[in-house]
Amino acid sequence: MSFKITIEPDKKSFTAEKDETVLSAALREGIGLPYGCRNGACGNCKGKLLEGQIEYTDVPLTGITDEEKSSGYALFCQAIPRSDLSIECRQIEAVGDLVIRKLPCRVNKIEKLNHDVVRLYLKLPSSERLQFLAGQYIDILMKGNKRRSFSLANSPQDDNYLELHIRHYDGGVFSEYAFNKLREKSLLRFEGPLGSFFLREESSRPIIMIAGGTGFAPVKSIVENIQHKKLDREVHFYWGARSKADLYLHELAESWAMKMKTLRYIPVLSEPRQSDIWQGRTGLVHEAVLDDFSDLSPFEVYACGPPPMVHAVVDNFTGRGLSEEFIYSDSFEFATQTSGGK
């Protein structure tokens, strides 16, 4: 049995098949609904259920509060229609214009960036290129129908290779494989491009970008896209890490600030080591932004990193005048052998 889903107020509609989530059905029919993690953690896909009945998949829904549920909001990445629906949500036309594909690729190069991050360069078949938006991600497809998500670190214009930054976690499904078994020339399969975390090029608002750990990867894609297109946007880039060694491409970020008159780079360490001889900013990265700006209403904010960091940005920045409409986020959730996430 299928159900009709209508988006208000423009009356655009699409059909969800049996046991298909609202988000999956929309993407299948080329309708760009916002989303990030697709596992109920980030809340990017949140919208209002105006009419109809839904049922959730059996995963923790950390991206929505009980109060929001009682007010009629739903996470469309996990919501399965049980009747025709009428919903209200933002639409992203640029995402809907892209074709999501499953493609093979070969590991062209593995480069160790620090003690726990490696950079993979993936080569597609000579007849293929992946069209994506700066900031999006791909899913690496693994055995047993497992998939792990990683942001694309290269800009869309530099598409000879796909660049991924993989951080090592004990028990991480793909990270253990990448660090211990993966070799150059190995074959992988992936699906993409995915995600609604991408640069809104039509906007003229100044930008605050906040990265935690390997959340640097999509920021790199966005900044290089800004450079390539010579966009005149004011950018404040805050990169949060524990120690200086975790700023694995610190010199590259410094070079952006030197070359781009409109970009300011602020690294923030939460646990600097004595050997770092660190004289820069310390503490939590979102708090550094709050220290620097008393009024966030003029900005667009792009936040990418662990869920606690992303949630702290949403919870605290709206109190400084920033509308949620201008907060774009991608939540990196650690994935073990038994859990989902990035």
Protein backbone atom coordinates (compact mmCIF):
# COMPACT_ATOMS: atom_id res chain seq x y z
CA MET A 1 0.00 0.00 0.00
CA SER A 2 1.27 3.49 -0.85
CA PHE A 3 0.37 6.88 0.65
CA LYS A 4 0.21 10.36 -0.79
CA ILE A 5 2.25 13.04 0.96
CA THR A 6 1.44 16.70 0.30
CA ILE A 7 3.78 19.55 1.21
CA GLU A 8 2.05 22.73 2.34
CA PRO A 9 1.54 25.45 1.35
CA ASP A 10 2.60 24.88 -2.28
CA LYS A 11 0.67 21.57 -2.59
CA LYS A 12 3.65 19.67 -4.03
CA SER A 13 3.01 15.96 -3.54
CA PHE A 14 4.78 12.61 -3.77
CA THR A 15 4.07 8.98 -2.90
CA ALA A 16 5.62 6.81 -0.20
CA GLU A 17 5.66 3.07 -0.76
CA LYS A 18 5.13 0.46 1.96
CA ASP A 19 7.46 0.96 4.96
CA GLU A 20 9.29 3.81 3.20
CA THR A 21 10.18 6.87 5.27
CA VAL A 22 8.92 10.30 4.26
CA LEU A 23 12.47 11.46 3.53
CA SER A 24 13.39 8.42 1.43
CA ALA A 25 10.21 8.77 -0.61
CA ALA A 26 10.81 12.47 -1.21
CA LEU A 27 14.40 11.93 -2.33
CA ARG A 28 13.38 9.06 -4.59
CA GLU A 29 10.97 11.40 -6.37
CA GLY A 30 13.51 14.21 -6.63
CA ILE A 31 12.09 16.43 -3.90
CA GLY A 32 14.83 18.00 -1.79
CA LEU A 33 13.84 17.86 1.87
CA PRO A 34 16.51 18.94 4.38
CA TYR A 35 18.39 16.17 6.19
CA GLY A 36 21.79 15.35 7.62
CA CYS A 37 22.45 12.15 9.56
CA ARG A 38 19.36 10.17 8.43
CA ASN A 39 19.40 8.27 11.74
CA GLY A 40 17.27 10.47 13.98
CA ALA A 41 20.18 12.21 15.71
CA CYS A 42 20.64 15.64 14.15
CA GLY A 43 17.10 16.97 13.71
CA ASN A 44 17.79 18.53 10.29
CA CYS A 45 14.80 16.72 8.74
CA LYS A 46 12.36 18.04 11.32
CA GLY A 47 9.05 19.36 10.00
CA LYS A 48 5.43 19.68 11.01
CA LEU A 49 2.87 16.91 10.57
CA LEU A 50 -0.37 18.73 9.75
CA GLU A 51 -2.58 15.74 8.95
CA GLY A 52 -2.25 11.96 8.94
CA GLN A 53 -0.59 9.19 10.93
CA ILE A 54 3.07 8.12 11.06
CA GLU A 55 5.07 5.41 12.76
CA TYR A 56 8.76 5.61 13.64
CA THR A 57 11.49 3.11 12.89
CA ASP A 58 13.12 1.43 15.88
CA VAL A 59 16.02 3.84 16.46
CA PRO A 60 16.68 6.44 19.20
CA LEU A 61 15.20 9.81 18.19
CA THR A 62 17.66 12.22 19.83
CA GLY A 63 17.01 14.91 17.24
CA ILE A 64 13.52 15.77 18.53
CA THR A 65 12.15 16.53 21.98
CA ASP A 66 8.92 15.24 23.52
CA GLU A 67 7.65 18.82 23.55
CA GLU A 68 8.26 19.12 19.81
CA LYS A 69 6.47 15.83 19.18
CA SER A 70 3.45 17.01 21.18
CA SER A 71 3.46 20.22 19.11
CA GLY A 72 3.11 18.21 15.92
CA TYR A 73 6.71 18.07 14.74
CA ALA A 74 8.24 14.91 13.28
CA LEU A 75 11.59 13.58 12.10
CA PHE A 76 10.93 12.72 8.47
CA CYS A 77 14.07 10.59 8.13
CA GLN A 78 12.48 8.02 10.46
CA ALA A 79 8.75 8.67 9.99
CA ILE A 80 6.89 5.97 8.04
CA PRO A 81 3.44 7.04 6.77
CA ARG A 82 0.47 4.97 7.90
CA SER A 83 -2.03 7.17 6.01
CA ASP A 84 -1.99 10.02 3.51
CA LEU A 85 -0.05 12.94 5.02
CA SER A 86 -0.04 16.70 4.89
CA ILE A 87 3.29 18.14 6.05
CA GLU A 88 5.00 21.48 6.37
CA CYS A 89 8.77 21.71 5.91
CA ARG A 90 11.53 23.54 4.12
CA GLN A 91 12.48 22.38 0.64
CA ILE A 92 15.94 22.54 -0.89
CA GLU A 93 15.61 22.70 -4.63
CA ALA A 94 19.35 22.38 -5.26
CA VAL A 95 19.47 18.93 -3.64
CA GLY A 96 16.48 17.77 -5.63
CA ASP A 97 18.35 18.58 -8.82
CA LEU A 98 21.12 16.08 -8.02
CA VAL A 99 21.01 12.37 -8.87
CA ILE A 100 21.87 10.02 -5.99
CA ARG A 101 23.81 7.04 -7.38
CA LYS A 102 25.63 3.93 -6.25
CA LEU A 103 29.11 3.80 -7.75
CA PRO A 104 32.32 1.80 -7.46
CA CYS A 105 35.62 3.50 -6.67
CA ARG A 106 39.25 2.58 -6.11
CA VAL A 107 41.44 3.77 -3.24
CA ASN A 108 44.08 5.79 -5.04
CA LYS A 109 46.00 7.03 -2.00
CA ILE A 110 45.98 6.70 1.79
CA GLU A 111 47.68 9.53 3.66
CA LYS A 112 48.14 9.70 7.44
CA LEU A 113 47.39 13.24 8.60
CA ASN A 114 48.08 12.75 12.32
CA HIS A 115 47.92 10.02 14.97
CA ASP A 116 44.24 9.19 14.41
CA VAL A 117 43.13 10.69 11.07
CA VAL A 118 43.82 9.38 7.57
CA ARG A 119 42.90 10.97 4.26
CA LEU A 120 41.56 8.74 1.50
CA TYR A 121 41.61 9.71 -2.16
CA LEU A 122 39.01 7.70 -4.06
CA LYS A 123 39.09 7.38 -7.85
CA LEU A 124 35.89 6.77 -9.80
CA PRO A 125 35.78 4.88 -13.11
CA SER A 126 37.12 7.02 -15.95
CA SER A 127 33.62 7.49 -17.36
CA GLU A 128 32.12 8.73 -14.09
CA ARG A 129 32.10 11.92 -12.03
CA LEU A 130 30.11 12.65 -8.89
CA GLN A 131 28.12 15.86 -9.02
CA PHE A 132 27.63 17.21 -5.50
CA LEU A 133 27.29 20.39 -3.50
CA ALA A 134 30.12 21.68 -1.31
CA GLY A 135 29.60 20.19 2.17
CA GLN A 136 27.68 17.02 1.21
CA TYR A 137 28.68 13.46 2.12
CA ILE A 138 28.67 9.92 0.73
CA ASP A 139 27.81 6.56 2.30
CA ILE A 140 30.45 3.84 2.03
CA LEU A 141 28.55 0.59 1.39
CA MET A 142 29.80 -2.40 3.37
CA LYS A 143 28.97 -6.06 3.72
CA GLY A 144 25.80 -7.01 5.56
CA ASN A 145 23.95 -3.93 4.31
CA LYS A 146 25.99 -1.70 6.59
CA ARG A 147 26.85 1.82 5.50
CA ARG A 148 29.01 4.53 6.99
CA SER A 149 28.81 8.23 6.13
CA PHE A 150 31.77 10.50 5.43
CA SER A 151 31.83 14.09 4.27
CA LEU A 152 33.49 14.99 1.00
CA ALA A 153 36.49 17.21 1.70
CA ASN A 154 37.23 18.20 -1.90
CA SER A 155 35.37 20.98 -3.65
CA PRO A 156 32.84 20.09 -6.36
CA GLN A 157 35.14 21.63 -9.00
CA ASP A 158 38.06 19.41 -7.97
CA ASP A 159 36.37 16.10 -8.80
CA ASN A 160 39.18 13.96 -10.19
CA TYR A 161 39.27 12.27 -6.79
CA LEU A 162 36.89 12.13 -3.84
CA GLU A 163 38.64 13.10 -0.60
CA LEU A 164 37.54 11.66 2.76
CA HIS A 165 38.95 12.28 6.26
CA ILE A 166 38.60 9.18 8.45
CA ARG A 167 39.15 9.35 12.18
CA HIS A 168 40.09 6.18 14.06
CA TYR A 169 37.75 4.95 16.79
CA ASP A 170 38.19 1.72 18.73
CA GLY A 171 35.38 -0.50 17.50
CA GLY A 172 34.51 1.80 14.62
CA VAL A 173 33.08 -0.34 11.83
CA PHE A 174 34.78 1.39 8.91
CA SER A 175 37.52 3.30 10.74
CA GLU A 176 39.09 0.08 12.07
CA TYR A 177 39.08 -1.29 8.54
CA ALA A 178 40.51 1.93 7.08
CA PHE A 179 43.37 2.03 9.56
CA ASN A 180 44.25 -1.67 9.73
CA LYS A 181 43.23 -3.43 6.51
CA LEU A 182 42.47 -0.98 3.73
CA ARG A 183 45.19 -0.71 1.08
CA GLU A 184 45.77 1.43 -1.97
CA LYS A 185 44.03 0.02 -5.07
CA SER A 186 41.32 -1.56 -2.90
CA LEU A 187 37.80 -1.39 -4.35
CA LEU A 188 34.90 0.23 -2.50
CA ARG A 189 31.31 1.09 -3.32
CA PHE A 190 29.44 4.17 -2.18
CA GLU A 191 26.15 6.00 -2.52
CA GLY A 192 25.86 9.74 -2.92
CA PRO A 193 25.77 12.64 -2.89
CA LEU A 194 23.78 12.95 0.33
CA GLY A 195 22.91 15.59 2.90
CA SER A 196 21.51 19.11 3.05
CA PHE A 197 24.64 20.58 4.65
CA PHE A 198 25.96 22.68 1.79
CA LEU A 199 26.86 26.27 1.02
CA ARG A 200 23.87 28.52 0.22
CA GLU A 201 25.54 30.39 -2.61
CA GLU A 202 22.58 32.66 -3.31
CA SER A 203 22.87 34.27 0.13
CA SER A 204 24.92 37.37 0.89
CA ARG A 205 24.92 36.85 4.68
CA PRO A 206 28.24 36.65 6.53
CA ILE A 207 29.13 33.09 7.54
CA ILE A 208 30.21 31.48 10.79
CA MET A 209 31.55 27.95 10.28
CA ILE A 210 32.13 25.70 13.28
CA ALA A 211 33.89 22.35 13.00
CA GLY A 212 34.61 19.71 15.62
CA GLY A 213 37.34 17.19 14.76
CA THR A 214 36.89 15.77 11.26
CA GLY A 215 33.99 18.16 10.80
CA PHE A 216 36.82 20.05 9.14
CA ALA A 217 36.27 17.95 5.99
CA PRO A 218 33.03 19.58 4.72
CA VAL A 219 34.35 23.00 5.78
CA LYS A 220 37.34 22.40 3.52
CA SER A 221 34.99 21.62 0.63
CA ILE A 222 32.97 24.79 1.27
CA VAL A 223 35.97 27.09 1.66
CA GLU A 224 37.61 25.77 -1.50
CA ASN A 225 34.31 26.24 -3.32
CA ILE A 226 34.18 29.85 -2.12
CA GLN A 227 37.75 30.34 -3.35
CA HIS A 228 37.03 28.80 -6.74
CA LYS A 229 33.89 30.85 -7.35
CA LYS A 230 35.45 34.01 -5.90
CA LEU A 231 32.42 34.56 -3.71
CA ASP A 232 32.57 37.77 -1.69
CA ARG A 233 31.37 36.34 1.63
CA GLU A 234 32.70 37.19 5.07
CA VAL A 235 33.71 33.90 6.74
CA HIS A 236 34.61 33.24 10.39
CA PHE A 237 35.91 29.68 10.76
CA TYR A 238 36.15 28.17 14.27
CA TRP A 239 37.81 24.74 14.53
CA GLY A 240 37.49 22.94 17.85
CA ALA A 241 39.84 20.14 18.91
CA ARG A 242 41.35 18.69 22.07
CA SER A 243 45.05 19.40 21.43
CA LYS A 244 47.11 21.00 18.69
CA ALA A 245 47.85 17.59 17.11
CA ASP A 246 44.12 17.18 16.47
CA LEU A 247 44.17 20.23 14.18
CA TYR A 248 45.40 17.88 11.50
CA LEU A 249 45.46 20.43 8.65
CA HIS A 250 46.16 23.53 10.74
CA GLU A 251 48.64 24.96 8.23
CA LEU A 252 46.12 24.67 5.41
CA ALA A 253 43.52 26.60 7.40
CA GLU A 254 46.13 29.25 8.21
CA SER A 255 46.90 29.55 4.50
CA TRP A 256 43.23 30.23 3.76
CA ALA A 257 43.28 33.15 6.18
CA MET A 258 46.41 34.52 4.53
CA LYS A 259 45.06 34.22 0.97
CA MET A 260 41.44 35.21 1.60
CA LYS A 261 40.92 38.71 2.94
CA THR A 262 37.36 37.81 3.90
CA LEU A 263 38.24 34.69 5.97
CA ARG A 264 39.20 34.64 9.64
CA TYR A 265 40.46 31.37 11.20
CA ILE A 266 40.08 30.74 14.95
CA PRO A 267 41.33 27.37 16.29
CA VAL A 268 40.06 26.49 19.78
CA LEU A 269 41.59 23.77 21.99
CA SER A 270 39.60 22.23 24.82
CA GLU A 271 42.51 20.28 26.39
CA PRO A 272 45.84 21.75 25.16
CA ARG A 273 48.92 19.81 26.18
CA GLN A 274 51.84 21.45 27.91
CA SER A 275 54.00 20.49 24.92
CA ASP A 276 51.66 22.44 22.61
CA ILE A 277 52.89 25.75 24.07
CA TRP A 278 49.46 26.98 23.02
CA GLN A 279 48.75 30.70 23.20
CA GLY A 280 45.49 30.63 21.23
CA ARG A 281 41.87 30.22 22.28
CA THR A 282 40.84 27.50 24.73
CA GLY A 283 37.55 26.00 25.91
CA LEU A 284 34.50 24.82 23.97
CA VAL A 285 34.36 25.95 20.38
CA HIS A 286 30.74 27.19 20.43
CA GLU A 287 31.52 29.27 23.51
CA ALA A 288 34.33 30.99 21.62
CA VAL A 289 31.76 32.15 19.06
CA LEU A 290 29.48 33.43 21.82
CA ASP A 291 32.41 35.32 23.34
CA ASP A 292 33.08 37.03 20.01
CA PHE A 293 29.53 37.93 18.93
CA SER A 294 26.80 39.44 21.08
CA ASP A 295 24.38 39.53 18.14
CA LEU A 296 24.23 36.60 15.70
CA SER A 297 21.12 37.74 13.82
CA PRO A 298 22.97 38.83 10.63
CA PHE A 299 24.79 35.49 10.16
CA GLU A 300 24.42 32.09 8.55
CA VAL A 301 25.93 29.34 10.70
CA TYR A 302 27.35 26.06 9.38
CA ALA A 303 28.12 23.57 12.17
CA CYS A 304 29.65 20.15 11.57
CA GLY A 305 30.92 17.73 14.20
CA PRO A 306 29.82 15.58 17.17
CA PRO A 307 26.14 15.75 18.17
CA PRO A 308 26.81 17.54 21.52
CA MET A 309 28.60 20.35 19.69
CA VAL A 310 25.85 20.69 17.08
CA HIS A 311 23.10 20.66 19.73
CA ALA A 312 24.99 23.30 21.76
CA VAL A 313 25.13 25.54 18.69
CA VAL A 314 21.38 25.27 18.08
CA ASP A 315 20.47 25.65 21.75
CA ASN A 316 22.70 28.66 22.44
CA PHE A 317 22.90 30.63 19.20
CA THR A 318 19.17 31.21 18.86
CA GLY A 319 19.39 33.08 22.16
CA ARG A 320 21.71 35.53 20.45
CA GLY A 321 19.20 36.44 17.76
CA LEU A 322 20.03 33.77 15.18
CA SER A 323 17.01 32.25 13.45
CA GLU A 324 17.03 28.44 13.12
CA GLU A 325 16.32 29.07 9.45
CA PHE A 326 19.96 30.11 9.08
CA ILE A 327 21.55 27.24 11.04
CA TYR A 328 22.81 24.43 8.80
CA SER A 329 24.30 21.41 10.53
CA ASP A 330 25.77 17.97 9.97
CA SER A 331 26.00 15.75 13.04
CA PHE A 332 28.86 13.20 13.06
CA GLU A 333 27.71 10.25 15.15
CA PHE A 334 30.24 7.58 16.14
CA ALA A 335 29.41 4.18 14.64
CA THR A 336 30.33 0.92 16.40
CA GLN A 337 29.75 -2.61 15.23
CA THR A 338 26.18 -2.45 16.52
CA SER A 339 25.19 1.19 16.07
CA GLY A 340 24.46 3.43 13.14
CA GLY A 341 25.84 6.85 12.39
CA LYS A 342 28.91 8.43 10.88
